[in-house]
Amino acid sequence: MIAFNEDEHVFMLHHIFRPHAPWGLPGGWMGRHESPENCIQREIREETGLDIQLGPVVHVAQEAQNAFLTIFFLGRLQPGSMELSAEILEAAWVDPFGLPPGLFASSRLAIEKAMHYHPQWLVDEQVQV
């Protein structure tokens, strides 16, 4: 999921289990009989303790080395107290023009596409990282 704050920075997580690409967008694996929308809402809640308002799909991709699809939704984090899961080291708002190295190419492209939607999809100022 791609979320922006009032400074137009994108919400990113530092994942423990991704040694070659530790920083990335929030997300995860879809469960059996789970819709993509329910999956991302569940994953955000599990990783951050926050709820989201889900927006439109901005990009769908298949990384060349993987046999799975990634669906990128635009979204808005809802106000609340962030509690990171044990698989997340930290959360940060990142300037989209200074994204961390190792970020998947599909995530970079999805962030670029999402920037066209961001004015109406800014996060509530009450969400602090």
N, C-alpha and C. Protein backbone atom coordinates (compact mmCIF):
# COMPACT_ATOMS: atom_id res chain seq x y z
N MET A 1 0.84 -1.16 0.00
CA MET A 1 0.00 0.00 0.00
C MET A 1 0.89 1.24 0.00
N ILE A 2 0.46 2.24 -0.72
CA ILE A 2 1.23 3.47 -0.82
C ILE A 2 0.43 4.58 -0.15
N ALA A 3 1.03 5.20 0.87
CA ALA A 3 0.40 6.30 1.59
C ALA A 3 1.37 7.47 1.63
N PHE A 4 0.83 8.67 1.53
CA PHE A 4 1.63 9.89 1.59
C PHE A 4 1.22 10.72 2.79
N ASN A 5 2.17 11.49 3.33
CA ASN A 5 1.83 12.44 4.38
C ASN A 5 1.70 13.84 3.79
N GLU A 6 1.46 14.82 4.65
CA GLU A 6 1.25 16.20 4.18
C GLU A 6 2.50 16.80 3.53
N ASP A 7 3.67 16.22 3.78
CA ASP A 7 4.92 16.67 3.14
C ASP A 7 5.20 15.93 1.85
N GLU A 8 4.24 15.11 1.42
CA GLU A 8 4.33 14.32 0.19
C GLU A 8 5.40 13.24 0.27
N HIS A 9 5.69 12.78 1.49
CA HIS A 9 6.61 11.67 1.69
C HIS A 9 5.80 10.39 1.77
N VAL A 10 6.41 9.29 1.35
CA VAL A 10 5.73 8.00 1.28
C VAL A 10 6.07 7.18 2.53
N PHE A 11 5.08 6.45 3.01
CA PHE A 11 5.22 5.61 4.20
C PHE A 11 5.93 4.32 3.83
N MET A 12 7.02 4.01 4.55
CA MET A 12 7.80 2.80 4.28
C MET A 12 8.15 2.09 5.57
N LEU A 13 8.39 0.79 5.44
CA LEU A 13 8.75 -0.04 6.58
C LEU A 13 10.09 -0.71 6.34
N HIS A 14 10.85 -0.86 7.43
CA HIS A 14 12.14 -1.56 7.40
C HIS A 14 11.86 -2.97 7.90
N HIS A 15 11.87 -3.93 6.98
CA HIS A 15 11.52 -5.32 7.27
C HIS A 15 12.73 -6.14 7.71
N ILE A 16 12.56 -6.96 8.71
CA ILE A 16 13.62 -7.83 9.21
C ILE A 16 13.97 -8.93 8.20
N PHE A 17 12.96 -9.51 7.57
CA PHE A 17 13.17 -10.69 6.75
C PHE A 17 13.49 -10.39 5.29
N ARG A 18 13.94 -9.20 4.99
CA ARG A 18 14.33 -8.84 3.62
C ARG A 18 15.76 -8.30 3.64
N PRO A 19 16.75 -9.13 3.82
CA PRO A 19 18.13 -8.63 3.96
C PRO A 19 18.67 -7.89 2.73
N HIS A 20 18.21 -8.24 1.53
CA HIS A 20 18.72 -7.60 0.32
C HIS A 20 17.93 -6.35 -0.07
N ALA A 21 16.72 -6.21 0.46
CA ALA A 21 15.87 -5.05 0.19
C ALA A 21 15.06 -4.77 1.45
N PRO A 22 15.73 -4.30 2.52
CA PRO A 22 15.05 -4.19 3.81
C PRO A 22 13.93 -3.16 3.86
N TRP A 23 14.06 -2.05 3.13
CA TRP A 23 13.02 -1.03 3.13
C TRP A 23 12.03 -1.31 2.01
N GLY A 24 10.76 -1.17 2.34
CA GLY A 24 9.73 -1.39 1.32
C GLY A 24 8.39 -0.85 1.75
N LEU A 25 7.45 -0.97 0.87
CA LEU A 25 6.08 -0.57 1.15
C LEU A 25 5.42 -1.63 2.03
N PRO A 26 4.46 -1.23 2.85
CA PRO A 26 3.75 -2.22 3.65
C PRO A 26 2.97 -3.18 2.75
N GLY A 27 2.93 -4.42 3.13
CA GLY A 27 2.19 -5.41 2.35
C GLY A 27 2.51 -6.80 2.83
N GLY A 28 2.06 -7.78 2.09
CA GLY A 28 2.34 -9.15 2.48
C GLY A 28 1.62 -10.15 1.60
N TRP A 29 1.64 -11.38 2.05
CA TRP A 29 1.08 -12.49 1.29
C TRP A 29 -0.41 -12.64 1.55
N MET A 30 -1.13 -12.88 0.48
CA MET A 30 -2.57 -13.05 0.55
C MET A 30 -2.89 -14.48 1.00
N GLY A 31 -3.83 -14.60 1.92
CA GLY A 31 -4.24 -15.90 2.40
C GLY A 31 -5.24 -16.55 1.46
N ARG A 32 -5.41 -17.83 1.64
CA ARG A 32 -6.38 -18.57 0.82
C ARG A 32 -7.78 -18.01 1.06
N HIS A 33 -8.49 -17.77 -0.01
CA HIS A 33 -9.85 -17.24 0.01
C HIS A 33 -9.92 -15.78 0.51
N GLU A 34 -8.78 -15.09 0.54
CA GLU A 34 -8.73 -13.70 0.99
C GLU A 34 -8.69 -12.78 -0.23
N SER A 35 -9.44 -11.71 -0.19
CA SER A 35 -9.40 -10.75 -1.30
C SER A 35 -8.15 -9.88 -1.17
N PRO A 36 -7.67 -9.30 -2.27
CA PRO A 36 -6.53 -8.38 -2.18
C PRO A 36 -6.79 -7.23 -1.20
N GLU A 37 -8.01 -6.71 -1.20
CA GLU A 37 -8.35 -5.61 -0.30
C GLU A 37 -8.27 -6.03 1.16
N ASN A 38 -8.84 -7.18 1.49
CA ASN A 38 -8.78 -7.68 2.87
C ASN A 38 -7.35 -8.00 3.27
N CYS A 39 -6.56 -8.52 2.32
CA CYS A 39 -5.17 -8.85 2.61
C CYS A 39 -4.38 -7.62 3.03
N ILE A 40 -4.47 -6.55 2.25
CA ILE A 40 -3.65 -5.36 2.58
C ILE A 40 -4.13 -4.72 3.88
N GLN A 41 -5.42 -4.71 4.12
CA GLN A 41 -5.91 -4.17 5.38
C GLN A 41 -5.40 -4.99 6.56
N ARG A 42 -5.42 -6.31 6.43
CA ARG A 42 -4.92 -7.18 7.49
C ARG A 42 -3.42 -7.01 7.69
N GLU A 43 -2.67 -6.98 6.59
CA GLU A 43 -1.21 -6.84 6.69
C GLU A 43 -0.80 -5.53 7.34
N ILE A 44 -1.45 -4.43 6.98
CA ILE A 44 -1.14 -3.13 7.60
C ILE A 44 -1.42 -3.18 9.10
N ARG A 45 -2.55 -3.75 9.45
CA ARG A 45 -2.91 -3.85 10.87
C ARG A 45 -1.89 -4.72 11.61
N GLU A 46 -1.48 -5.86 11.01
CA GLU A 46 -0.50 -6.74 11.66
C GLU A 46 0.86 -6.07 11.78
N GLU A 47 1.30 -5.34 10.74
CA GLU A 47 2.64 -4.76 10.74
C GLU A 47 2.74 -3.46 11.53
N THR A 48 1.65 -2.69 11.59
CA THR A 48 1.73 -1.36 12.22
C THR A 48 0.71 -1.12 13.32
N GLY A 49 -0.31 -1.94 13.41
CA GLY A 49 -1.38 -1.69 14.37
C GLY A 49 -2.38 -0.65 13.90
N LEU A 50 -2.21 -0.14 12.69
CA LEU A 50 -3.08 0.91 12.15
C LEU A 50 -4.09 0.36 11.16
N ASP A 51 -5.19 1.06 11.04
CA ASP A 51 -6.18 0.77 10.00
C ASP A 51 -5.93 1.70 8.83
N ILE A 52 -6.46 1.33 7.68
CA ILE A 52 -6.30 2.15 6.48
C ILE A 52 -7.62 2.37 5.79
N GLN A 53 -7.68 3.45 5.03
CA GLN A 53 -8.76 3.66 4.08
C GLN A 53 -8.14 3.31 2.74
N LEU A 54 -8.69 2.32 2.08
CA LEU A 54 -8.12 1.82 0.85
C LEU A 54 -8.61 2.63 -0.34
N GLY A 55 -7.68 2.97 -1.22
CA GLY A 55 -7.99 3.72 -2.43
C GLY A 55 -7.88 2.84 -3.66
N PRO A 56 -7.64 3.46 -4.79
CA PRO A 56 -7.59 2.71 -6.05
C PRO A 56 -6.29 1.93 -6.22
N VAL A 57 -6.34 0.93 -7.08
CA VAL A 57 -5.14 0.23 -7.51
C VAL A 57 -4.39 1.17 -8.44
N VAL A 58 -3.09 1.37 -8.17
CA VAL A 58 -2.30 2.27 -9.02
C VAL A 58 -1.30 1.52 -9.89
N HIS A 59 -1.05 0.25 -9.56
CA HIS A 59 -0.07 -0.50 -10.34
C HIS A 59 -0.19 -1.98 -10.00
N VAL A 60 0.01 -2.83 -11.01
CA VAL A 60 0.08 -4.28 -10.84
C VAL A 60 1.35 -4.72 -11.53
N ALA A 61 2.15 -5.56 -10.86
CA ALA A 61 3.45 -5.93 -11.43
C ALA A 61 3.80 -7.37 -11.10
N GLN A 62 4.67 -7.92 -11.95
CA GLN A 62 5.32 -9.20 -11.67
C GLN A 62 6.81 -8.96 -11.81
N GLU A 63 7.52 -9.15 -10.71
CA GLU A 63 8.98 -9.03 -10.77
C GLU A 63 9.51 -10.16 -11.63
N ALA A 64 10.51 -9.89 -12.44
CA ALA A 64 11.04 -10.88 -13.38
C ALA A 64 11.48 -12.17 -12.69
N GLN A 65 12.02 -12.07 -11.48
CA GLN A 65 12.56 -13.25 -10.81
C GLN A 65 11.51 -14.01 -9.99
N ASN A 66 10.30 -13.51 -9.90
CA ASN A 66 9.29 -14.15 -9.05
C ASN A 66 8.07 -14.58 -9.86
N ALA A 67 7.39 -15.58 -9.34
CA ALA A 67 6.18 -16.08 -10.00
C ALA A 67 4.94 -15.62 -9.25
N PHE A 68 4.91 -14.36 -8.83
CA PHE A 68 3.73 -13.83 -8.17
C PHE A 68 3.46 -12.41 -8.63
N LEU A 69 2.22 -12.00 -8.47
CA LEU A 69 1.82 -10.64 -8.82
C LEU A 69 1.79 -9.78 -7.58
N THR A 70 2.12 -8.53 -7.75
CA THR A 70 2.00 -7.55 -6.67
C THR A 70 0.99 -6.51 -7.10
N ILE A 71 0.03 -6.24 -6.23
CA ILE A 71 -1.00 -5.24 -6.49
C ILE A 71 -0.74 -4.08 -5.55
N PHE A 72 -0.56 -2.89 -6.12
CA PHE A 72 -0.26 -1.70 -5.33
C PHE A 72 -1.51 -0.83 -5.23
N PHE A 73 -2.00 -0.67 -4.01
CA PHE A 73 -3.14 0.19 -3.74
C PHE A 73 -2.64 1.52 -3.20
N LEU A 74 -3.34 2.59 -3.51
CA LEU A 74 -3.15 3.84 -2.82
C LEU A 74 -4.00 3.76 -1.56
N GLY A 75 -3.56 4.36 -0.49
CA GLY A 75 -4.34 4.29 0.73
C GLY A 75 -4.02 5.42 1.67
N ARG A 76 -4.79 5.49 2.72
CA ARG A 76 -4.60 6.51 3.74
C ARG A 76 -4.56 5.83 5.08
N LEU A 77 -3.49 6.07 5.83
CA LEU A 77 -3.41 5.55 7.20
C LEU A 77 -4.41 6.31 8.06
N GLN A 78 -5.11 5.58 8.90
CA GLN A 78 -6.08 6.20 9.80
C GLN A 78 -5.39 6.57 11.11
N PRO A 79 -5.86 7.61 11.77
CA PRO A 79 -5.24 8.02 13.04
C PRO A 79 -5.25 6.87 14.04
N GLY A 80 -4.19 6.80 14.80
CA GLY A 80 -4.09 5.75 15.81
C GLY A 80 -2.68 5.66 16.33
N SER A 81 -2.49 4.77 17.27
CA SER A 81 -1.19 4.55 17.88
C SER A 81 -0.49 3.43 17.12
N MET A 82 0.69 3.74 16.57
CA MET A 82 1.42 2.74 15.81
C MET A 82 2.15 1.79 16.74
N GLU A 83 1.98 0.49 16.48
CA GLU A 83 2.68 -0.56 17.21
C GLU A 83 3.25 -1.52 16.18
N LEU A 84 4.56 -1.44 15.95
CA LEU A 84 5.19 -2.26 14.93
C LEU A 84 5.30 -3.72 15.37
N SER A 85 5.09 -4.62 14.41
CA SER A 85 5.20 -6.05 14.70
C SER A 85 6.67 -6.43 14.85
N ALA A 86 6.90 -7.65 15.29
CA ALA A 86 8.27 -8.14 15.49
C ALA A 86 9.05 -8.27 14.19
N GLU A 87 8.35 -8.29 13.04
CA GLU A 87 9.05 -8.40 11.76
C GLU A 87 9.40 -7.04 11.15
N ILE A 88 9.06 -5.96 11.82
CA ILE A 88 9.34 -4.61 11.33
C ILE A 88 10.29 -3.92 12.30
N LEU A 89 11.41 -3.42 11.80
CA LEU A 89 12.39 -2.72 12.64
C LEU A 89 12.00 -1.27 12.87
N GLU A 90 11.51 -0.61 11.82
CA GLU A 90 11.08 0.79 11.97
C GLU A 90 10.19 1.20 10.82
N ALA A 91 9.49 2.30 11.02
CA ALA A 91 8.65 2.92 9.99
C ALA A 91 9.16 4.33 9.78
N ALA A 92 9.01 4.83 8.56
CA ALA A 92 9.49 6.19 8.27
C ALA A 92 8.71 6.76 7.09
N TRP A 93 8.65 8.09 7.07
CA TRP A 93 8.14 8.82 5.91
C TRP A 93 9.36 9.18 5.07
N VAL A 94 9.38 8.74 3.82
CA VAL A 94 10.54 8.86 2.95
C VAL A 94 10.22 9.76 1.76
N ASP A 95 11.15 10.65 1.45
CA ASP A 95 11.02 11.51 0.27
C ASP A 95 11.01 10.61 -0.96
N PRO A 96 9.98 10.69 -1.82
CA PRO A 96 9.93 9.81 -2.98
C PRO A 96 11.05 10.05 -3.99
N PHE A 97 11.78 11.15 -3.85
CA PHE A 97 12.92 11.41 -4.73
C PHE A 97 14.23 10.97 -4.09
N GLY A 98 14.15 10.33 -2.92
CA GLY A 98 15.32 9.81 -2.23
C GLY A 98 15.02 8.44 -1.64
N LEU A 99 14.45 7.57 -2.46
CA LEU A 99 14.06 6.24 -1.99
C LEU A 99 15.29 5.40 -1.66
N PRO A 100 15.17 4.50 -0.68
CA PRO A 100 16.32 3.69 -0.25
C PRO A 100 16.81 2.74 -1.34
N PRO A 101 18.10 2.44 -1.35
CA PRO A 101 18.63 1.47 -2.31
C PRO A 101 18.04 0.09 -2.06
N GLY A 102 17.97 -0.69 -3.10
CA GLY A 102 17.46 -2.05 -2.98
C GLY A 102 15.95 -2.16 -3.10
N LEU A 103 15.25 -1.03 -3.16
CA LEU A 103 13.80 -1.06 -3.28
C LEU A 103 13.43 -1.72 -4.61
N PHE A 104 12.46 -2.61 -4.59
CA PHE A 104 12.04 -3.30 -5.81
C PHE A 104 11.65 -2.29 -6.89
N ALA A 105 12.00 -2.58 -8.13
CA ALA A 105 11.68 -1.70 -9.26
C ALA A 105 10.18 -1.46 -9.37
N SER A 106 9.38 -2.50 -9.11
CA SER A 106 7.93 -2.34 -9.19
C SER A 106 7.42 -1.37 -8.13
N SER A 107 8.05 -1.36 -6.95
CA SER A 107 7.65 -0.41 -5.90
C SER A 107 7.98 1.01 -6.31
N ARG A 108 9.15 1.21 -6.91
CA ARG A 108 9.52 2.55 -7.39
C ARG A 108 8.52 3.06 -8.42
N LEU A 109 8.16 2.20 -9.37
CA LEU A 109 7.22 2.59 -10.40
C LEU A 109 5.84 2.87 -9.81
N ALA A 110 5.41 2.04 -8.86
CA ALA A 110 4.11 2.24 -8.22
C ALA A 110 4.07 3.56 -7.45
N ILE A 111 5.15 3.90 -6.76
CA ILE A 111 5.21 5.17 -6.03
C ILE A 111 5.12 6.33 -7.01
N GLU A 112 5.84 6.23 -8.11
CA GLU A 112 5.79 7.27 -9.14
C GLU A 112 4.37 7.46 -9.67
N LYS A 113 3.68 6.36 -9.95
CA LYS A 113 2.30 6.45 -10.43
C LYS A 113 1.38 7.02 -9.35
N ALA A 114 1.59 6.60 -8.10
CA ALA A 114 0.73 7.06 -7.01
C ALA A 114 0.87 8.56 -6.75
N MET A 115 2.01 9.13 -7.09
CA MET A 115 2.23 10.56 -6.85
C MET A 115 1.22 11.42 -7.62
N HIS A 116 0.64 10.90 -8.68
CA HIS A 116 -0.36 11.64 -9.44
C HIS A 116 -1.69 11.74 -8.70
N TYR A 117 -1.91 10.84 -7.74
CA TYR A 117 -3.15 10.82 -6.96
C TYR A 117 -3.02 11.51 -5.61
N HIS A 118 -1.81 11.75 -5.14
CA HIS A 118 -1.57 12.06 -3.74
C HIS A 118 -2.33 13.24 -3.14
N PRO A 119 -2.64 14.33 -3.85
CA PRO A 119 -3.31 15.44 -3.15
C PRO A 119 -4.60 15.03 -2.43
N GLN A 120 -5.38 14.16 -3.01
CA GLN A 120 -6.61 13.75 -2.34
C GLN A 120 -6.40 12.54 -1.43
N TRP A 121 -5.16 12.03 -1.34
CA TRP A 121 -4.90 10.85 -0.54
C TRP A 121 -3.81 11.07 0.49
N LEU A 122 -3.72 12.26 1.04
CA LEU A 122 -2.75 12.54 2.10
C LEU A 122 -3.23 11.93 3.40
N VAL A 123 -2.27 11.48 4.20
CA VAL A 123 -2.59 10.86 5.48
C VAL A 123 -3.02 11.93 6.49
N ASP A 124 -3.84 11.53 7.42
CA ASP A 124 -4.23 12.42 8.51
C ASP A 124 -2.98 12.80 9.31
N GLU A 125 -2.85 14.06 9.66
CA GLU A 125 -1.67 14.56 10.37
C GLU A 125 -1.46 13.90 11.71
N GLN A 126 -2.45 13.23 12.25
CA GLN A 126 -2.33 12.63 13.58
C GLN A 126 -1.49 11.36 13.58
N VAL A 127 -1.19 10.79 12.42
CA VAL A 127 -0.38 9.57 12.38
C VAL A 127 1.08 9.98 12.45
N GLN A 128 1.72 9.65 13.54
CA GLN A 128 3.13 10.00 13.76
C GLN A 128 4.00 8.77 13.61
N VAL A 129 5.14 8.95 13.00
CA VAL A 129 6.10 7.86 12.85
C VAL A 129 7.33 8.21 13.65
